Amino acid sequence: MIESYPVMKEAEPFYIPGNDVGVLVQHGFTGTTQSMRELGEHLAQCGFTVYGPRLKGHGTHYKEMEGTTYEDWIASSEAGYLMLREKCSRVFVVGLSMGGTLALHLAHKYPETRGIVLINAALFMEELEKVAQMEEPRFLDAIGSDIKAPGVKELAYEKTPLKSVRELVKFMAATKKKVPSISCPALIFVSTEDHVVPPSNSHYIHDYLPTNDKRLAELHDSYHVATLDNDKEIIKGETEKFIRRLAEPVSKR
């Protein structure tokens, strides 16, 4: 599918070269790289090689998103992962919301993934599953920008295609089945108050991941888009520590 709309300002993919530890940072459903850029830039300042892909159909216009499938979103994610794997000896995957779902998918498909960092990852959303059964309207009101911090806004679509909701529901269901066979270390951030993805998603992931190297970190002062919210410094610091611990030794390229 050739995209017909220009990419929004701040929604562009970003690549910051560094050492041979690669970090893929992935935005969520209807969102853009704007939600992950600050975290990505922090990780790049730590010396890591960082890539933030723009998922197909995102960051342009919601009518364009309507023409994409979850396989397209996976393809965008995998292309970024494989690019980092070519350049780096170790790859970590960080994801917000559906970006976390994509991180789980990658960790399952590529068991050599060194570690995953999930931020309010999505696997099941009862309300959305009900919406997916509807026949109309074609476009729903947006679900983005659930942020507690005053004056902070996520760059995301103002409408959500019903067809895309159905794709997300299918993708979450398929990924949920894979969780018990994902073996890499995991840092799981969960906002205790989230108006988009119920916190029970993160608890489920923590309970069913078979690895012993996993930690559930609660965020008490942020809503769904925690990477832009009051706890963003906690996310930066803990993610950096997690990657540094598992990435040693780091060699320069």
C-alpha atoms as a PDB file:
ATOM      1  CA  MET A   1       0.000   0.000   0.000  1.00  0.00           C
ATOM      2  CA  ILE A   2       1.409   3.358  -1.059  1.00  0.00           C
ATOM      3  CA  GLU A   3       0.650   6.014   1.523  1.00  0.00           C
ATOM      4  CA  SER A   4      -1.400   8.924   0.207  1.00  0.00           C
ATOM      5  CA  TYR A   5      -1.032  11.373   3.084  1.00  0.00           C
ATOM      6  CA  PRO A   6       2.097  13.152   4.311  1.00  0.00           C
ATOM      7  CA  VAL A   7       3.691  12.076   7.578  1.00  0.00           C
ATOM      8  CA  MET A   8       2.778  14.395  10.467  1.00  0.00           C
ATOM      9  CA  LYS A   9       5.480  16.547  11.994  1.00  0.00           C
ATOM     10  CA  GLU A  10       7.056  14.647  14.946  1.00  0.00           C
ATOM     11  CA  ALA A  11       5.631  11.334  13.677  1.00  0.00           C
ATOM     12  CA  GLU A  12       8.696  10.456  11.608  1.00  0.00           C
ATOM     13  CA  PRO A  13      10.765   7.359  12.385  1.00  0.00           C
ATOM     14  CA  PHE A  14      14.071   8.067  14.107  1.00  0.00           C
ATOM     15  CA  TYR A  15      17.434   6.300  14.140  1.00  0.00           C
ATOM     16  CA  ILE A  16      20.314   7.244  16.454  1.00  0.00           C
ATOM     17  CA  PRO A  17      23.507   5.201  15.991  1.00  0.00           C
ATOM     18  CA  GLY A  18      25.559   4.184  19.022  1.00  0.00           C
ATOM     19  CA  ASN A  19      27.298   1.062  20.341  1.00  0.00           C
ATOM     20  CA  ASP A  20      26.498  -2.548  19.502  1.00  0.00           C
ATOM     21  CA  VAL A  21      23.511  -2.731  21.848  1.00  0.00           C
ATOM     22  CA  GLY A  22      20.363  -2.020  19.837  1.00  0.00           C
ATOM     23  CA  VAL A  23      17.074  -0.809  21.291  1.00  0.00           C
ATOM     24  CA  LEU A  24      13.846  -0.825  19.277  1.00  0.00           C
ATOM     25  CA  VAL A  25      11.287   1.623  20.734  1.00  0.00           C
ATOM     26  CA  GLN A  26       7.727   1.163  19.481  1.00  0.00           C
ATOM     27  CA  HIS A  27       4.666   3.391  19.697  1.00  0.00           C
ATOM     28  CA  GLY A  28       1.101   2.232  20.147  1.00  0.00           C
ATOM     29  CA  PHE A  29      -2.186   1.862  18.267  1.00  0.00           C
ATOM     30  CA  THR A  30      -3.188   5.125  16.479  1.00  0.00           C
ATOM     31  CA  GLY A  31      -0.105   6.774  18.053  1.00  0.00           C
ATOM     32  CA  THR A  32       3.211   7.977  16.652  1.00  0.00           C
ATOM     33  CA  THR A  33       6.924   7.996  17.384  1.00  0.00           C
ATOM     34  CA  GLN A  34       6.357  11.268  19.282  1.00  0.00           C
ATOM     35  CA  SER A  35       5.274   9.192  22.296  1.00  0.00           C
ATOM     36  CA  MET A  36       8.593   7.278  22.296  1.00  0.00           C
ATOM     37  CA  ARG A  37      11.086   9.872  21.107  1.00  0.00           C
ATOM     38  CA  GLU A  38      12.065  11.267  24.525  1.00  0.00           C
ATOM     39  CA  LEU A  39      12.685   7.785  25.920  1.00  0.00           C
ATOM     40  CA  GLY A  40      14.553   6.816  22.752  1.00  0.00           C
ATOM     41  CA  GLU A  41      16.756   9.902  22.927  1.00  0.00           C
ATOM     42  CA  HIS A  42      17.585   9.161  26.565  1.00  0.00           C
ATOM     43  CA  LEU A  43      18.651   5.619  25.663  1.00  0.00           C
ATOM     44  CA  ALA A  44      20.753   6.983  22.800  1.00  0.00           C
ATOM     45  CA  GLN A  45      22.477   9.343  25.248  1.00  0.00           C
ATOM     46  CA  CYS A  46      23.389   6.218  27.230  1.00  0.00           C
ATOM     47  CA  GLY A  47      25.327   5.069  24.170  1.00  0.00           C
ATOM     48  CA  PHE A  48      22.860   2.549  22.739  1.00  0.00           C
ATOM     49  CA  THR A  49      21.838   2.345  19.080  1.00  0.00           C
ATOM     50  CA  VAL A  50      18.158   3.314  18.996  1.00  0.00           C
ATOM     51  CA  TYR A  51      15.483   2.989  16.321  1.00  0.00           C
ATOM     52  CA  GLY A  52      11.881   4.175  16.583  1.00  0.00           C
ATOM     53  CA  PRO A  53       9.862   2.867  13.622  1.00  0.00           C
ATOM     54  CA  ARG A  54       6.652   4.448  12.384  1.00  0.00           C
ATOM     55  CA  LEU A  55       4.123   1.643  12.091  1.00  0.00           C
ATOM     56  CA  LYS A  56       2.366   1.305   8.727  1.00  0.00           C
ATOM     57  CA  GLY A  57      -0.749   3.469   8.484  1.00  0.00           C
ATOM     58  CA  HIS A  58       0.234   5.538  11.518  1.00  0.00           C
ATOM     59  CA  GLY A  59       1.320   9.157  11.690  1.00  0.00           C
ATOM     60  CA  THR A  60      -0.468  10.162   8.480  1.00  0.00           C
ATOM     61  CA  HIS A  61      -4.288  10.012   8.441  1.00  0.00           C
ATOM     62  CA  TYR A  62      -6.749   7.633  10.065  1.00  0.00           C
ATOM     63  CA  LYS A  63      -8.263   6.859   6.645  1.00  0.00           C
ATOM     64  CA  GLU A  64      -4.888   5.455   5.672  1.00  0.00           C
ATOM     65  CA  MET A  65      -4.752   3.347   8.826  1.00  0.00           C
ATOM     66  CA  GLU A  66      -8.086   1.814   7.814  1.00  0.00           C
ATOM     67  CA  GLY A  67      -6.344   0.146   4.866  1.00  0.00           C
ATOM     68  CA  THR A  68      -3.745  -1.640   7.005  1.00  0.00           C
ATOM     69  CA  THR A  69      -3.808  -4.931   8.892  1.00  0.00           C
ATOM     70  CA  TYR A  70      -2.037  -6.098  12.011  1.00  0.00           C
ATOM     71  CA  GLU A  71       0.318  -8.013   9.718  1.00  0.00           C
ATOM     72  CA  ASP A  72       1.373  -4.626   8.304  1.00  0.00           C
ATOM     73  CA  TRP A  73       2.122  -3.330  11.812  1.00  0.00           C
ATOM     74  CA  ILE A  74       4.118  -6.491  12.543  1.00  0.00           C
ATOM     75  CA  ALA A  75       6.047  -6.015   9.282  1.00  0.00           C
ATOM     76  CA  SER A  76       7.028  -2.455  10.283  1.00  0.00           C
ATOM     77  CA  SER A  77       8.131  -3.726  13.687  1.00  0.00           C
ATOM     78  CA  GLU A  78      10.085  -6.705  12.336  1.00  0.00           C
ATOM     79  CA  ALA A  79      11.862  -4.582   9.723  1.00  0.00           C
ATOM     80  CA  GLY A  80      13.141  -2.357  12.531  1.00  0.00           C
ATOM     81  CA  TYR A  81      14.189  -5.323  14.638  1.00  0.00           C
ATOM     82  CA  LEU A  82      16.084  -6.974  11.791  1.00  0.00           C
ATOM     83  CA  MET A  83      17.815  -3.721  10.895  1.00  0.00           C
ATOM     84  CA  LEU A  84      19.091  -3.427  14.471  1.00  0.00           C
ATOM     85  CA  ARG A  85      20.054  -7.096  14.575  1.00  0.00           C
ATOM     86  CA  GLU A  86      22.282  -6.564  11.529  1.00  0.00           C
ATOM     87  CA  LYS A  87      24.054  -3.638  13.182  1.00  0.00           C
ATOM     88  CA  CYS A  88      24.144  -4.795  16.818  1.00  0.00           C
ATOM     89  CA  SER A  89      25.172  -7.908  18.743  1.00  0.00           C
ATOM     90  CA  ARG A  90      22.305  -7.607  21.228  1.00  0.00           C
ATOM     91  CA  VAL A  91      18.804  -6.220  20.702  1.00  0.00           C
ATOM     92  CA  PHE A  92      16.244  -5.068  23.268  1.00  0.00           C
ATOM     93  CA  VAL A  93      12.645  -4.173  22.464  1.00  0.00           C
ATOM     94  CA  VAL A  94      10.658  -1.457  24.252  1.00  0.00           C
ATOM     95  CA  GLY A  95       6.978  -0.883  23.550  1.00  0.00           C
ATOM     96  CA  LEU A  96       4.087   1.288  24.708  1.00  0.00           C
ATOM     97  CA  SER A  97       0.559  -0.152  24.555  1.00  0.00           C
ATOM     98  CA  MET A  98       0.289  -2.050  21.233  1.00  0.00           C
ATOM     99  CA  GLY A  99       4.024  -1.417  20.906  1.00  0.00           C
ATOM    100  CA  GLY A 100       4.300  -3.725  23.915  1.00  0.00           C
ATOM    101  CA  THR A 101       2.143  -6.295  22.138  1.00  0.00           C
ATOM    102  CA  LEU A 102       4.560  -6.068  19.217  1.00  0.00           C
ATOM    103  CA  ALA A 103       7.484  -6.495  21.634  1.00  0.00           C
ATOM    104  CA  LEU A 104       5.954  -9.740  22.885  1.00  0.00           C
ATOM    105  CA  HIS A 105       5.472 -10.915  19.299  1.00  0.00           C
ATOM    106  CA  LEU A 106       9.122 -10.189  18.485  1.00  0.00           C
ATOM    107  CA  ALA A 107      10.400 -11.880  21.647  1.00  0.00           C
ATOM    108  CA  HIS A 108       8.426 -14.988  20.717  1.00  0.00           C
ATOM    109  CA  LYS A 109       9.588 -15.058  17.090  1.00  0.00           C
ATOM    110  CA  TYR A 110      13.187 -14.103  17.882  1.00  0.00           C
ATOM    111  CA  PRO A 111      14.160 -15.883  21.130  1.00  0.00           C
ATOM    112  CA  GLU A 112      17.621 -14.306  20.992  1.00  0.00           C
ATOM    113  CA  THR A 113      15.995 -10.994  22.003  1.00  0.00           C
ATOM    114  CA  ARG A 114      18.041  -9.896  25.020  1.00  0.00           C
ATOM    115  CA  GLY A 115      15.142  -8.341  26.924  1.00  0.00           C
ATOM    116  CA  ILE A 116      11.790  -6.574  26.578  1.00  0.00           C
ATOM    117  CA  VAL A 117      10.426  -3.483  28.304  1.00  0.00           C
ATOM    118  CA  LEU A 118       6.637  -3.264  28.244  1.00  0.00           C
ATOM    119  CA  ILE A 119       4.752  -0.074  29.120  1.00  0.00           C
ATOM    120  CA  ASN A 120       1.017  -0.637  29.622  1.00  0.00           C
ATOM    121  CA  ALA A 121       1.075  -3.415  27.031  1.00  0.00           C
ATOM    122  CA  ALA A 122      -2.236  -4.561  25.540  1.00  0.00           C
ATOM    123  CA  LEU A 123      -3.464  -8.159  25.329  1.00  0.00           C
ATOM    124  CA  PHE A 124      -7.161  -8.012  26.166  1.00  0.00           C
ATOM    125  CA  MET A 125      -9.628  -5.125  26.348  1.00  0.00           C
ATOM    126  CA  GLU A 126     -13.211  -6.160  26.962  1.00  0.00           C
ATOM    127  CA  GLU A 127     -14.703  -2.845  25.861  1.00  0.00           C
ATOM    128  CA  LEU A 128     -12.746  -2.878  22.610  1.00  0.00           C
ATOM    129  CA  GLU A 129     -13.782  -6.469  21.946  1.00  0.00           C
ATOM    130  CA  LYS A 130     -17.412  -5.331  22.171  1.00  0.00           C
ATOM    131  CA  VAL A 131     -16.732  -2.440  19.796  1.00  0.00           C
ATOM    132  CA  ALA A 132     -15.143  -4.851  17.314  1.00  0.00           C
ATOM    133  CA  GLN A 133     -18.509  -6.622  17.004  1.00  0.00           C
ATOM    134  CA  MET A 134     -20.239  -3.438  15.829  1.00  0.00           C
ATOM    135  CA  GLU A 135     -21.024  -2.745  12.175  1.00  0.00           C
ATOM    136  CA  GLU A 136     -20.815   1.045  12.446  1.00  0.00           C
ATOM    137  CA  PRO A 137     -19.724   3.811  12.710  1.00  0.00           C
ATOM    138  CA  ARG A 138     -16.846   3.486  10.270  1.00  0.00           C
ATOM    139  CA  PHE A 139     -14.711   5.793  12.442  1.00  0.00           C
ATOM    140  CA  LEU A 140     -14.813   6.010  16.243  1.00  0.00           C
ATOM    141  CA  ASP A 141     -13.687   8.776  18.557  1.00  0.00           C
ATOM    142  CA  ALA A 142     -10.010   8.612  19.458  1.00  0.00           C
ATOM    143  CA  ILE A 143      -8.586   6.611  22.350  1.00  0.00           C
ATOM    144  CA  GLY A 144      -5.242   8.462  22.453  1.00  0.00           C
ATOM    145  CA  SER A 145      -3.687  11.030  24.790  1.00  0.00           C
ATOM    146  CA  ASP A 146      -4.664   9.494  28.141  1.00  0.00           C
ATOM    147  CA  ILE A 147      -2.162  11.583  30.124  1.00  0.00           C
ATOM    148  CA  LYS A 148      -2.380  12.842  33.716  1.00  0.00           C
ATOM    149  CA  ALA A 149       0.243  15.607  33.429  1.00  0.00           C
ATOM    150  CA  PRO A 150      -1.437  18.938  32.586  1.00  0.00           C
ATOM    151  CA  GLY A 151      -0.698  20.480  29.210  1.00  0.00           C
ATOM    152  CA  VAL A 152       0.897  17.358  27.708  1.00  0.00           C
ATOM    153  CA  LYS A 153      -0.642  15.887  24.560  1.00  0.00           C
ATOM    154  CA  GLU A 154       0.092  12.750  22.605  1.00  0.00           C
ATOM    155  CA  LEU A 155       0.305  13.102  18.830  1.00  0.00           C
ATOM    156  CA  ALA A 156      -2.298  10.582  17.701  1.00  0.00           C
ATOM    157  CA  TYR A 157      -5.303  10.251  15.423  1.00  0.00           C
ATOM    158  CA  GLU A 158      -8.509  12.036  16.396  1.00  0.00           C
ATOM    159  CA  LYS A 159     -10.503   9.110  14.982  1.00  0.00           C
ATOM    160  CA  THR A 160     -10.003   5.344  15.058  1.00  0.00           C
ATOM    161  CA  PRO A 161     -11.163   3.132  12.167  1.00  0.00           C
ATOM    162  CA  LEU A 162     -13.524   0.366  13.279  1.00  0.00           C
ATOM    163  CA  LYS A 163     -11.713  -1.988  10.904  1.00  0.00           C
ATOM    164  CA  SER A 164      -8.442  -1.226  12.726  1.00  0.00           C
ATOM    165  CA  VAL A 165     -10.057  -2.017  16.086  1.00  0.00           C
ATOM    166  CA  ARG A 166     -10.947  -5.447  14.724  1.00  0.00           C
ATOM    167  CA  GLU A 167      -7.343  -5.917  13.597  1.00  0.00           C
ATOM    168  CA  LEU A 168      -6.042  -4.956  17.042  1.00  0.00           C
ATOM    169  CA  VAL A 169      -8.408  -7.375  18.780  1.00  0.00           C
ATOM    170  CA  LYS A 170      -7.208 -10.220  16.527  1.00  0.00           C
ATOM    171  CA  PHE A 171      -3.571  -9.314  17.119  1.00  0.00           C
ATOM    172  CA  MET A 172      -3.975  -9.163  20.901  1.00  0.00           C
ATOM    173  CA  ALA A 173      -5.711 -12.553  20.991  1.00  0.00           C
ATOM    174  CA  ALA A 174      -2.981 -14.160  18.868  1.00  0.00           C
ATOM    175  CA  THR A 175      -0.209 -12.650  20.999  1.00  0.00           C
ATOM    176  CA  LYS A 176      -1.803 -13.574  24.319  1.00  0.00           C
ATOM    177  CA  LYS A 177      -1.412 -17.258  23.415  1.00  0.00           C
ATOM    178  CA  LYS A 178       2.346 -16.769  22.942  1.00  0.00           C
ATOM    179  CA  VAL A 179       3.105 -15.263  26.360  1.00  0.00           C
ATOM    180  CA  PRO A 180       3.722 -18.598  28.186  1.00  0.00           C
ATOM    181  CA  SER A 181       6.476 -19.485  25.686  1.00  0.00           C
ATOM    182  CA  ILE A 182       8.444 -16.203  25.787  1.00  0.00           C
ATOM    183  CA  SER A 183      11.682 -16.778  27.659  1.00  0.00           C
ATOM    184  CA  CYS A 184      13.618 -13.483  27.628  1.00  0.00           C
ATOM    185  CA  PRO A 185      13.926 -11.128  30.638  1.00  0.00           C
ATOM    186  CA  ALA A 186      11.136  -8.579  31.005  1.00  0.00           C
ATOM    187  CA  LEU A 187      10.581  -5.243  32.719  1.00  0.00           C
ATOM    188  CA  ILE A 188       6.847  -4.551  32.849  1.00  0.00           C
ATOM    189  CA  PHE A 189       5.611  -1.052  33.640  1.00  0.00           C
ATOM    190  CA  VAL A 190       1.967  -0.655  34.600  1.00  0.00           C
ATOM    191  CA  SER A 191       0.064   2.525  35.387  1.00  0.00           C
ATOM    192  CA  THR A 192      -2.182   1.874  38.366  1.00  0.00           C
ATOM    193  CA  GLU A 193      -4.799   4.121  36.726  1.00  0.00           C
ATOM    194  CA  ASP A 194      -5.129   3.581  32.977  1.00  0.00           C
ATOM    195  CA  HIS A 195      -8.261   4.576  31.037  1.00  0.00           C
ATOM    196  CA  VAL A 196      -7.274   2.719  27.852  1.00  0.00           C
ATOM    197  CA  VAL A 197      -5.670  -0.634  28.725  1.00  0.00           C
ATOM    198  CA  PRO A 198      -6.739  -2.226  32.019  1.00  0.00           C
ATOM    199  CA  PRO A 199      -3.770  -2.781  34.389  1.00  0.00           C
ATOM    200  CA  SER A 200      -4.794  -6.452  34.565  1.00  0.00           C
ATOM    201  CA  ASN A 201      -3.058  -6.879  31.183  1.00  0.00           C
ATOM    202  CA  SER A 202       0.358  -6.214  32.706  1.00  0.00           C
ATOM    203  CA  HIS A 203      -0.373  -8.440  35.707  1.00  0.00           C
ATOM    204  CA  TYR A 204      -1.366 -11.249  33.322  1.00  0.00           C
ATOM    205  CA  ILE A 205       1.878 -10.861  31.375  1.00  0.00           C
ATOM    206  CA  HIS A 206       3.916 -10.891  34.578  1.00  0.00           C
ATOM    207  CA  ASP A 207       2.111 -13.973  35.859  1.00  0.00           C
ATOM    208  CA  TYR A 208       2.394 -16.008  32.648  1.00  0.00           C
ATOM    209  CA  LEU A 209       5.872 -15.147  31.368  1.00  0.00           C
ATOM    210  CA  PRO A 210       7.938 -18.229  32.299  1.00  0.00           C
ATOM    211  CA  THR A 211      11.208 -16.358  32.876  1.00  0.00           C
ATOM    212  CA  ASN A 212      12.437 -15.787  36.431  1.00  0.00           C
ATOM    213  CA  ASP A 213      14.018 -12.508  35.314  1.00  0.00           C
ATOM    214  CA  LYS A 214      10.889 -10.370  35.287  1.00  0.00           C
ATOM    215  CA  ARG A 215       9.687  -7.398  37.278  1.00  0.00           C
ATOM    216  CA  LEU A 216       6.379  -5.564  37.501  1.00  0.00           C
ATOM    217  CA  ALA A 217       6.967  -1.860  38.154  1.00  0.00           C
ATOM    218  CA  GLU A 218       3.906   0.161  39.140  1.00  0.00           C
ATOM    219  CA  LEU A 219       3.534   3.773  38.000  1.00  0.00           C
ATOM    220  CA  HIS A 220       1.365   5.693  40.456  1.00  0.00           C
ATOM    221  CA  ASP A 221       1.303   9.137  38.847  1.00  0.00           C
ATOM    222  CA  SER A 222       0.667   8.416  35.160  1.00  0.00           C
ATOM    223  CA  TYR A 223      -2.187   7.306  32.935  1.00  0.00           C
ATOM    224  CA  HIS A 224      -1.865   5.225  29.748  1.00  0.00           C
ATOM    225  CA  VAL A 225       0.733   7.209  27.775  1.00  0.00           C
ATOM    226  CA  ALA A 226       3.227   6.931  30.615  1.00  0.00           C
ATOM    227  CA  THR A 227       6.255   7.751  28.443  1.00  0.00           C
ATOM    228  CA  LEU A 228       4.984  11.351  28.255  1.00  0.00           C
ATOM    229  CA  ASP A 229       3.500  11.505  31.747  1.00  0.00           C
ATOM    230  CA  ASN A 230       4.604  12.276  35.305  1.00  0.00           C
ATOM    231  CA  ASP A 231       6.513   9.003  35.722  1.00  0.00           C
ATOM    232  CA  LYS A 232       8.536   9.292  32.510  1.00  0.00           C
ATOM    233  CA  GLU A 233      11.811   9.784  34.414  1.00  0.00           C
ATOM    234  CA  ILE A 234      11.210   6.534  36.306  1.00  0.00           C
ATOM    235  CA  ILE A 235      10.685   4.760  32.980  1.00  0.00           C
ATOM    236  CA  LYS A 236      13.880   6.255  31.547  1.00  0.00           C
ATOM    237  CA  GLY A 237      15.994   5.365  34.579  1.00  0.00           C
ATOM    238  CA  GLU A 238      14.679   1.850  35.131  1.00  0.00           C
ATOM    239  CA  THR A 239      14.811   0.997  31.425  1.00  0.00           C
ATOM    240  CA  GLU A 240      18.413   2.185  31.257  1.00  0.00           C
ATOM    241  CA  LYS A 241      19.353   0.068  34.308  1.00  0.00           C
ATOM    242  CA  PHE A 242      17.572  -2.995  32.888  1.00  0.00           C
ATOM    243  CA  ILE A 243      19.376  -2.732  29.549  1.00  0.00           C
ATOM    244  CA  ARG A 244      22.780  -2.004  31.107  1.00  0.00           C
ATOM    245  CA  ARG A 245      22.486  -5.025  33.414  1.00  0.00           C
ATOM    246  CA  LEU A 246      21.672  -7.414  30.579  1.00  0.00           C
ATOM    247  CA  ALA A 247      23.829  -5.867  27.855  1.00  0.00           C
ATOM    248  CA  GLU A 248      27.258  -6.261  29.451  1.00  0.00           C
ATOM    249  CA  PRO A 249      29.865  -6.272  28.111  1.00  0.00           C
ATOM    250  CA  VAL A 250      29.326  -3.430  25.622  1.00  0.00           C
ATOM    251  CA  SER A 251      31.844  -3.003  22.820  1.00  0.00           C
ATOM    252  CA  LYS A 252      32.121   0.014  20.529  1.00  0.00           C
ATOM    253  CA  ARG A 253      31.487  -0.442  16.815  1.00  0.00           C
END
